[in-house]
Amino acid sequence: MEEKIVTIQKTSKKWKKVYLISFFTLSIGFITLLMGVSTENDSTGVFGILLMLSSVVGFVVAKIGAWWTNR
């Protein structure tokens, strides 16, 4: 009888944390951007955009880090 081969991915919890933190940062940045637009406060809007951009960088770093760890 043949044994079944099961393939698993062992993505580090570190990269999952980075991905999750980036997701929450993106959400907070989007809310901050909406608050800045609704109150016509330019500095709050710019801060929201910068927060969103930094979270996108975090997403990319997490994906590349998970790929690099599992290759």
N, C-alpha and C. Protein backbone atom coordinates (compact mmCIF):
# COMPACT_ATOMS: atom_id res chain seq x y z
N MET A 1 0.83 -1.18 0.00
CA MET A 1 0.00 0.00 0.00
C MET A 1 0.88 1.25 0.00
N GLU A 2 0.56 2.18 -0.86
CA GLU A 2 1.35 3.41 -0.98
C GLU A 2 0.89 4.44 0.06
N GLU A 3 1.87 5.17 0.55
CA GLU A 3 1.54 6.24 1.49
C GLU A 3 1.26 7.51 0.71
N LYS A 4 0.29 8.29 1.18
CA LYS A 4 -0.01 9.57 0.55
C LYS A 4 1.04 10.60 0.97
N ILE A 5 1.48 11.35 0.00
CA ILE A 5 2.41 12.43 0.28
C ILE A 5 1.61 13.71 0.47
N VAL A 6 1.81 14.34 1.60
CA VAL A 6 1.10 15.57 1.92
C VAL A 6 2.10 16.71 1.90
N THR A 7 1.82 17.72 1.09
CA THR A 7 2.70 18.88 0.99
C THR A 7 2.13 19.99 1.87
N ILE A 8 2.96 20.57 2.71
CA ILE A 8 2.52 21.67 3.56
C ILE A 8 3.44 22.86 3.35
N GLN A 9 2.91 24.03 3.61
CA GLN A 9 3.72 25.23 3.56
C GLN A 9 4.00 25.68 4.98
N LYS A 10 5.24 25.91 5.27
CA LYS A 10 5.62 26.32 6.60
C LYS A 10 5.99 27.80 6.59
N THR A 11 5.02 28.64 6.32
CA THR A 11 5.29 30.07 6.33
C THR A 11 5.48 30.52 7.77
N SER A 12 6.53 31.24 8.00
CA SER A 12 6.86 31.70 9.34
C SER A 12 5.77 32.62 9.88
N LYS A 13 5.55 32.51 11.19
CA LYS A 13 4.56 33.37 11.83
C LYS A 13 5.00 34.83 11.77
N LYS A 14 6.29 35.05 11.65
CA LYS A 14 6.80 36.42 11.55
C LYS A 14 6.22 37.11 10.32
N TRP A 15 6.20 36.42 9.19
CA TRP A 15 5.71 37.04 7.96
C TRP A 15 4.19 37.19 8.01
N LYS A 16 3.52 36.28 8.69
CA LYS A 16 2.08 36.43 8.84
C LYS A 16 1.74 37.63 9.72
N LYS A 17 2.57 37.88 10.74
CA LYS A 17 2.37 39.06 11.59
C LYS A 17 2.58 40.34 10.79
N VAL A 18 3.63 40.37 9.98
CA VAL A 18 3.90 41.56 9.16
C VAL A 18 2.72 41.81 8.21
N TYR A 19 2.19 40.75 7.62
CA TYR A 19 1.06 40.88 6.70
C TYR A 19 -0.17 41.40 7.45
N LEU A 20 -0.44 40.88 8.63
CA LEU A 20 -1.60 41.30 9.42
C LEU A 20 -1.46 42.74 9.88
N ILE A 21 -0.27 43.12 10.34
CA ILE A 21 -0.04 44.50 10.76
C ILE A 21 -0.20 45.45 9.57
N SER A 22 0.26 45.03 8.41
CA SER A 22 0.10 45.86 7.21
C SER A 22 -1.36 46.04 6.85
N PHE A 23 -2.15 44.98 7.03
CA PHE A 23 -3.58 45.08 6.74
C PHE A 23 -4.25 46.10 7.67
N PHE A 24 -3.95 46.03 8.97
CA PHE A 24 -4.54 46.98 9.90
C PHE A 24 -4.05 48.40 9.65
N THR A 25 -2.79 48.54 9.29
CA THR A 25 -2.25 49.86 8.98
C THR A 25 -2.92 50.44 7.74
N LEU A 26 -3.19 49.59 6.75
CA LEU A 26 -3.90 50.05 5.56
C LEU A 26 -5.30 50.52 5.92
N SER A 27 -5.98 49.79 6.79
CA SER A 27 -7.33 50.17 7.21
C SER A 27 -7.32 51.49 7.96
N ILE A 28 -6.38 51.65 8.88
CA ILE A 28 -6.29 52.89 9.64
C ILE A 28 -5.92 54.06 8.71
N GLY A 29 -5.04 53.82 7.77
CA GLY A 29 -4.67 54.87 6.81
C GLY A 29 -5.84 55.29 5.95
N PHE A 30 -6.67 54.32 5.54
CA PHE A 30 -7.84 54.65 4.73
C PHE A 30 -8.84 55.47 5.53
N ILE A 31 -9.06 55.08 6.78
CA ILE A 31 -9.98 55.85 7.64
C ILE A 31 -9.44 57.25 7.88
N THR A 32 -8.14 57.36 8.11
CA THR A 32 -7.52 58.67 8.30
C THR A 32 -7.64 59.53 7.05
N LEU A 33 -7.46 58.92 5.90
CA LEU A 33 -7.61 59.65 4.64
C LEU A 33 -9.04 60.16 4.49
N LEU A 34 -10.02 59.33 4.79
CA LEU A 34 -11.41 59.77 4.69
C LEU A 34 -11.72 60.89 5.68
N MET A 35 -11.16 60.80 6.87
CA MET A 35 -11.37 61.88 7.85
C MET A 35 -10.74 63.17 7.37
N GLY A 36 -9.56 63.09 6.77
CA GLY A 36 -8.90 64.29 6.26
C GLY A 36 -9.65 64.92 5.11
N VAL A 37 -10.24 64.09 4.25
CA VAL A 37 -11.00 64.61 3.12
C VAL A 37 -12.30 65.23 3.60
N SER A 38 -12.97 64.58 4.54
CA SER A 38 -14.27 65.09 4.99
C SER A 38 -14.14 66.39 5.78
N THR A 39 -13.04 66.56 6.50
CA THR A 39 -12.85 67.79 7.27
C THR A 39 -12.01 68.82 6.51
N GLU A 40 -11.60 68.49 5.30
CA GLU A 40 -10.77 69.34 4.46
C GLU A 40 -9.46 69.71 5.16
N ASN A 41 -8.93 68.75 5.91
CA ASN A 41 -7.65 68.94 6.59
C ASN A 41 -6.58 68.23 5.76
N ASP A 42 -5.74 69.02 5.10
CA ASP A 42 -4.75 68.46 4.19
C ASP A 42 -3.71 67.59 4.89
N SER A 43 -3.27 68.01 6.07
CA SER A 43 -2.22 67.25 6.74
C SER A 43 -2.73 65.87 7.17
N THR A 44 -3.98 65.76 7.57
CA THR A 44 -4.54 64.46 7.94
C THR A 44 -4.68 63.57 6.71
N GLY A 45 -5.09 64.15 5.61
CA GLY A 45 -5.20 63.38 4.37
C GLY A 45 -3.85 62.87 3.89
N VAL A 46 -2.84 63.72 3.98
CA VAL A 46 -1.49 63.32 3.56
C VAL A 46 -0.96 62.22 4.48
N PHE A 47 -1.22 62.35 5.78
CA PHE A 47 -0.80 61.32 6.72
C PHE A 47 -1.48 59.98 6.40
N GLY A 48 -2.75 60.03 6.04
CA GLY A 48 -3.46 58.81 5.66
C GLY A 48 -2.86 58.17 4.42
N ILE A 49 -2.51 58.98 3.45
CA ILE A 49 -1.90 58.46 2.23
C ILE A 49 -0.53 57.83 2.54
N LEU A 50 0.27 58.50 3.36
CA LEU A 50 1.58 57.96 3.72
C LEU A 50 1.45 56.66 4.50
N LEU A 51 0.45 56.59 5.37
CA LEU A 51 0.21 55.37 6.13
C LEU A 51 -0.19 54.22 5.21
N MET A 52 -1.01 54.53 4.22
CA MET A 52 -1.44 53.51 3.27
C MET A 52 -0.26 53.05 2.41
N LEU A 53 0.58 53.97 1.97
CA LEU A 53 1.75 53.60 1.17
C LEU A 53 2.73 52.74 1.97
N SER A 54 2.92 53.08 3.24
CA SER A 54 3.82 52.27 4.06
C SER A 54 3.26 50.87 4.29
N SER A 55 1.94 50.75 4.36
CA SER A 55 1.36 49.42 4.53
C SER A 55 1.49 48.59 3.25
N VAL A 56 1.43 49.23 2.10
CA VAL A 56 1.63 48.51 0.84
C VAL A 56 3.07 47.98 0.79
N VAL A 57 4.01 48.79 1.26
CA VAL A 57 5.40 48.32 1.34
C VAL A 57 5.49 47.12 2.28
N GLY A 58 4.75 47.18 3.39
CA GLY A 58 4.72 46.05 4.32
C GLY A 58 4.17 44.79 3.70
N PHE A 59 3.11 44.94 2.89
CA PHE A 59 2.54 43.79 2.16
C PHE A 59 3.59 43.16 1.25
N VAL A 60 4.30 43.99 0.51
CA VAL A 60 5.30 43.49 -0.43
C VAL A 60 6.44 42.79 0.32
N VAL A 61 6.89 43.41 1.41
CA VAL A 61 7.97 42.81 2.21
C VAL A 61 7.52 41.47 2.78
N ALA A 62 6.28 41.39 3.26
CA ALA A 62 5.77 40.13 3.84
C ALA A 62 5.68 39.04 2.78
N LYS A 63 5.19 39.38 1.60
CA LYS A 63 5.08 38.38 0.54
C LYS A 63 6.45 37.89 0.08
N ILE A 64 7.39 38.82 -0.11
CA ILE A 64 8.73 38.42 -0.53
C ILE A 64 9.43 37.64 0.57
N GLY A 65 9.26 38.05 1.82
CA GLY A 65 9.87 37.34 2.93
C GLY A 65 9.33 35.92 3.08
N ALA A 66 8.02 35.76 2.92
CA ALA A 66 7.42 34.42 3.00
C ALA A 66 7.91 33.56 1.84
N TRP A 67 8.00 34.14 0.67
CA TRP A 67 8.49 33.39 -0.49
C TRP A 67 9.95 32.99 -0.27
N TRP A 68 10.77 33.92 0.20
CA TRP A 68 12.18 33.66 0.39
C TRP A 68 12.41 32.58 1.43
N THR A 69 11.60 32.58 2.48
CA THR A 69 11.73 31.59 3.54
C THR A 69 11.34 30.19 3.05
N ASN A 70 10.35 30.11 2.18
CA ASN A 70 9.82 28.80 1.74
C ASN A 70 10.48 28.25 0.48
N ARG A 71 11.40 28.97 -0.11
CA ARG A 71 11.94 28.46 -1.37
C ARG A 71 12.93 27.39 -1.20
